[in-house]
Amino acid sequence: MADKSELTHFRAVFEATLQVYEEQAGVTLAKDPLALQVQNCDSVDDITTMLQGQANAFVEFQRSDRVLKSMKNIAFILSSVFVTACKSLSNTISLVRQNTLVAHSVA
């Protein structure tokens, strides 16, 4: 078992680490939603279940993000095709107008 000086030293190191975390993250760890959930756990099984739920939520988030990226890619491709088609149609219409004007001026 650790003596009192070792516990005091550990506590000082732990508190200093918390302070550095708060400065870098801009969040008080004790007020972090995940830390609050851990505080409400009464056993290792409770913590495991809570962490599994967090992991599942993260996987679902990644899936929805992939779907959104796919939709953006599809929209980009369709808009590119549309712009190309419009330019081609515009060039065709312009060519038809020129041919019509030339045909009318020659006749």
C-alpha atoms as a PDB file:
ATOM      1  CA  MET A   1       0.000   0.000   0.000  1.00  0.00           C
ATOM      2  CA  ALA A   2       1.259   3.484  -0.862  1.00  0.00           C
ATOM      3  CA  ASP A   3       2.272   5.784   1.934  1.00  0.00           C
ATOM      4  CA  LYS A   4       0.863   9.271   2.437  1.00  0.00           C
ATOM      5  CA  SER A   5       3.709  11.076   0.616  1.00  0.00           C
ATOM      6  CA  GLU A   6       3.207   8.944  -2.507  1.00  0.00           C
ATOM      7  CA  LEU A   7      -0.523   9.699  -2.492  1.00  0.00           C
ATOM      8  CA  THR A   8       0.174  13.406  -2.015  1.00  0.00           C
ATOM      9  CA  HIS A   9       2.632  13.346  -4.918  1.00  0.00           C
ATOM     10  CA  PHE A  10       0.149  11.454  -7.127  1.00  0.00           C
ATOM     11  CA  ARG A  11      -2.602  13.927  -6.294  1.00  0.00           C
ATOM     12  CA  ALA A  12      -0.347  16.899  -7.148  1.00  0.00           C
ATOM     13  CA  VAL A  13       0.621  15.340 -10.499  1.00  0.00           C
ATOM     14  CA  PHE A  14      -3.014  14.466 -11.239  1.00  0.00           C
ATOM     15  CA  GLU A  15      -4.250  17.987 -10.463  1.00  0.00           C
ATOM     16  CA  ALA A  16      -1.475  19.536 -12.567  1.00  0.00           C
ATOM     17  CA  THR A  17      -2.447  17.254 -15.450  1.00  0.00           C
ATOM     18  CA  LEU A  18      -6.093  18.268 -15.112  1.00  0.00           C
ATOM     19  CA  GLN A  19      -5.057  21.924 -15.182  1.00  0.00           C
ATOM     20  CA  VAL A  20      -3.023  21.449 -18.371  1.00  0.00           C
ATOM     21  CA  TYR A  21      -5.938  19.576 -19.966  1.00  0.00           C
ATOM     22  CA  GLU A  22      -8.347  22.391 -19.100  1.00  0.00           C
ATOM     23  CA  GLU A  23      -5.992  25.010 -20.522  1.00  0.00           C
ATOM     24  CA  GLN A  24      -5.419  23.108 -23.774  1.00  0.00           C
ATOM     25  CA  ALA A  25      -8.945  21.762 -24.316  1.00  0.00           C
ATOM     26  CA  GLY A  26     -10.810  24.740 -22.919  1.00  0.00           C
ATOM     27  CA  VAL A  27     -13.054  22.331 -21.014  1.00  0.00           C
ATOM     28  CA  THR A  28     -13.194  21.446 -17.359  1.00  0.00           C
ATOM     29  CA  LEU A  29     -12.900  17.677 -17.376  1.00  0.00           C
ATOM     30  CA  ALA A  30     -15.245  17.273 -14.414  1.00  0.00           C
ATOM     31  CA  LYS A  31     -17.961  19.080 -16.418  1.00  0.00           C
ATOM     32  CA  ASP A  32     -17.431  17.074 -19.608  1.00  0.00           C
ATOM     33  CA  PRO A  33     -20.625  15.154 -20.531  1.00  0.00           C
ATOM     34  CA  LEU A  34     -18.744  11.867 -20.793  1.00  0.00           C
ATOM     35  CA  ALA A  35     -17.154  12.367 -17.378  1.00  0.00           C
ATOM     36  CA  LEU A  36     -20.584  13.095 -15.932  1.00  0.00           C
ATOM     37  CA  GLN A  37     -21.883   9.838 -17.409  1.00  0.00           C
ATOM     38  CA  VAL A  38     -18.978   7.933 -15.858  1.00  0.00           C
ATOM     39  CA  GLN A  39     -19.764   9.474 -12.467  1.00  0.00           C
ATOM     40  CA  ASN A  40     -23.271   8.020 -12.710  1.00  0.00           C
ATOM     41  CA  CYS A  41     -21.925   4.493 -13.290  1.00  0.00           C
ATOM     42  CA  ASP A  42     -21.899   2.157 -10.285  1.00  0.00           C
ATOM     43  CA  SER A  43     -19.882  -0.739 -11.694  1.00  0.00           C
ATOM     44  CA  VAL A  44     -17.407  -1.785 -14.323  1.00  0.00           C
ATOM     45  CA  ASP A  45     -20.328  -3.249 -16.302  1.00  0.00           C
ATOM     46  CA  ASP A  46     -22.097   0.126 -16.217  1.00  0.00           C
ATOM     47  CA  ILE A  47     -18.978   1.864 -17.539  1.00  0.00           C
ATOM     48  CA  THR A  48     -18.507  -0.795 -20.230  1.00  0.00           C
ATOM     49  CA  THR A  49     -22.131  -0.452 -21.340  1.00  0.00           C
ATOM     50  CA  MET A  50     -21.868   3.342 -21.440  1.00  0.00           C
ATOM     51  CA  LEU A  51     -18.640   3.218 -23.468  1.00  0.00           C
ATOM     52  CA  GLN A  52     -20.157   0.670 -25.859  1.00  0.00           C
ATOM     53  CA  GLY A  53     -23.058   3.059 -26.401  1.00  0.00           C
ATOM     54  CA  GLN A  54     -20.602   5.863 -27.159  1.00  0.00           C
ATOM     55  CA  ALA A  55     -18.742   3.626 -29.616  1.00  0.00           C
ATOM     56  CA  ASN A  56     -22.000   2.673 -31.366  1.00  0.00           C
ATOM     57  CA  ALA A  57     -23.029   6.327 -31.613  1.00  0.00           C
ATOM     58  CA  PHE A  58     -19.646   7.150 -33.164  1.00  0.00           C
ATOM     59  CA  VAL A  59     -20.008   4.365 -35.750  1.00  0.00           C
ATOM     60  CA  GLU A  60     -23.480   5.650 -36.659  1.00  0.00           C
ATOM     61  CA  PHE A  61     -22.073   9.168 -36.992  1.00  0.00           C
ATOM     62  CA  GLN A  62     -19.365   7.904 -39.351  1.00  0.00           C
ATOM     63  CA  ARG A  63     -21.981   6.115 -41.460  1.00  0.00           C
ATOM     64  CA  SER A  64     -24.157   9.215 -41.732  1.00  0.00           C
ATOM     65  CA  ASP A  65     -21.082  11.269 -42.614  1.00  0.00           C
ATOM     66  CA  ARG A  66     -20.235   8.809 -45.406  1.00  0.00           C
ATOM     67  CA  VAL A  67     -23.773   9.055 -46.765  1.00  0.00           C
ATOM     68  CA  LEU A  68     -23.589  12.857 -46.719  1.00  0.00           C
ATOM     69  CA  LYS A  69     -20.242  12.827 -48.535  1.00  0.00           C
ATOM     70  CA  SER A  70     -21.665  10.440 -51.149  1.00  0.00           C
ATOM     71  CA  MET A  71     -24.651  12.720 -51.672  1.00  0.00           C
ATOM     72  CA  LYS A  72     -22.358  15.733 -52.093  1.00  0.00           C
ATOM     73  CA  ASN A  73     -20.260  13.831 -54.651  1.00  0.00           C
ATOM     74  CA  ILE A  74     -23.365  12.821 -56.602  1.00  0.00           C
ATOM     75  CA  ALA A  75     -24.657  16.406 -56.556  1.00  0.00           C
ATOM     76  CA  PHE A  76     -21.271  17.676 -57.770  1.00  0.00           C
ATOM     77  CA  ILE A  77     -21.189  15.168 -60.636  1.00  0.00           C
ATOM     78  CA  LEU A  78     -24.778  15.919 -61.660  1.00  0.00           C
ATOM     79  CA  SER A  79     -24.198  19.665 -61.570  1.00  0.00           C
ATOM     80  CA  SER A  80     -21.051  19.237 -63.687  1.00  0.00           C
ATOM     81  CA  VAL A  81     -23.000  17.187 -66.223  1.00  0.00           C
ATOM     82  CA  PHE A  82     -25.785  19.785 -66.221  1.00  0.00           C
ATOM     83  CA  VAL A  83     -23.369  22.688 -66.760  1.00  0.00           C
ATOM     84  CA  THR A  84     -21.625  20.802 -69.570  1.00  0.00           C
ATOM     85  CA  ALA A  85     -24.969  19.966 -71.182  1.00  0.00           C
ATOM     86  CA  CYS A  86     -26.117  23.582 -70.914  1.00  0.00           C
ATOM     87  CA  LYS A  87     -22.896  24.847 -72.509  1.00  0.00           C
ATOM     88  CA  SER A  88     -23.221  22.305 -75.295  1.00  0.00           C
ATOM     89  CA  LEU A  89     -26.859  23.233 -75.853  1.00  0.00           C
ATOM     90  CA  SER A  90     -25.957  26.926 -75.837  1.00  0.00           C
ATOM     91  CA  ASN A  91     -23.243  26.335 -78.445  1.00  0.00           C
ATOM     92  CA  THR A  92     -25.675  24.295 -80.554  1.00  0.00           C
ATOM     93  CA  ILE A  93     -28.356  26.995 -80.366  1.00  0.00           C
ATOM     94  CA  SER A  94     -25.787  29.632 -81.253  1.00  0.00           C
ATOM     95  CA  LEU A  95     -24.667  27.560 -84.250  1.00  0.00           C
ATOM     96  CA  VAL A  96     -28.287  27.054 -85.395  1.00  0.00           C
ATOM     97  CA  ARG A  97     -28.909  30.822 -85.148  1.00  0.00           C
ATOM     98  CA  GLN A  98     -25.795  31.569 -87.194  1.00  0.00           C
ATOM     99  CA  ASN A  99     -26.797  29.020 -89.841  1.00  0.00           C
ATOM    100  CA  THR A 100     -30.311  30.458 -89.937  1.00  0.00           C
ATOM    101  CA  LEU A 101     -29.010  34.016 -90.307  1.00  0.00           C
ATOM    102  CA  VAL A 102     -26.600  32.944 -93.043  1.00  0.00           C
ATOM    103  CA  ALA A 103     -29.376  31.023 -94.850  1.00  0.00           C
ATOM    104  CA  HIS A 104     -31.706  34.025 -94.706  1.00  0.00           C
ATOM    105  CA  SER A 105     -29.057  36.490 -95.843  1.00  0.00           C
ATOM    106  CA  VAL A 106     -28.014  34.288 -98.786  1.00  0.00           C
ATOM    107  CA  ALA A 107     -31.584  33.710 -99.979  1.00  0.00           C
END
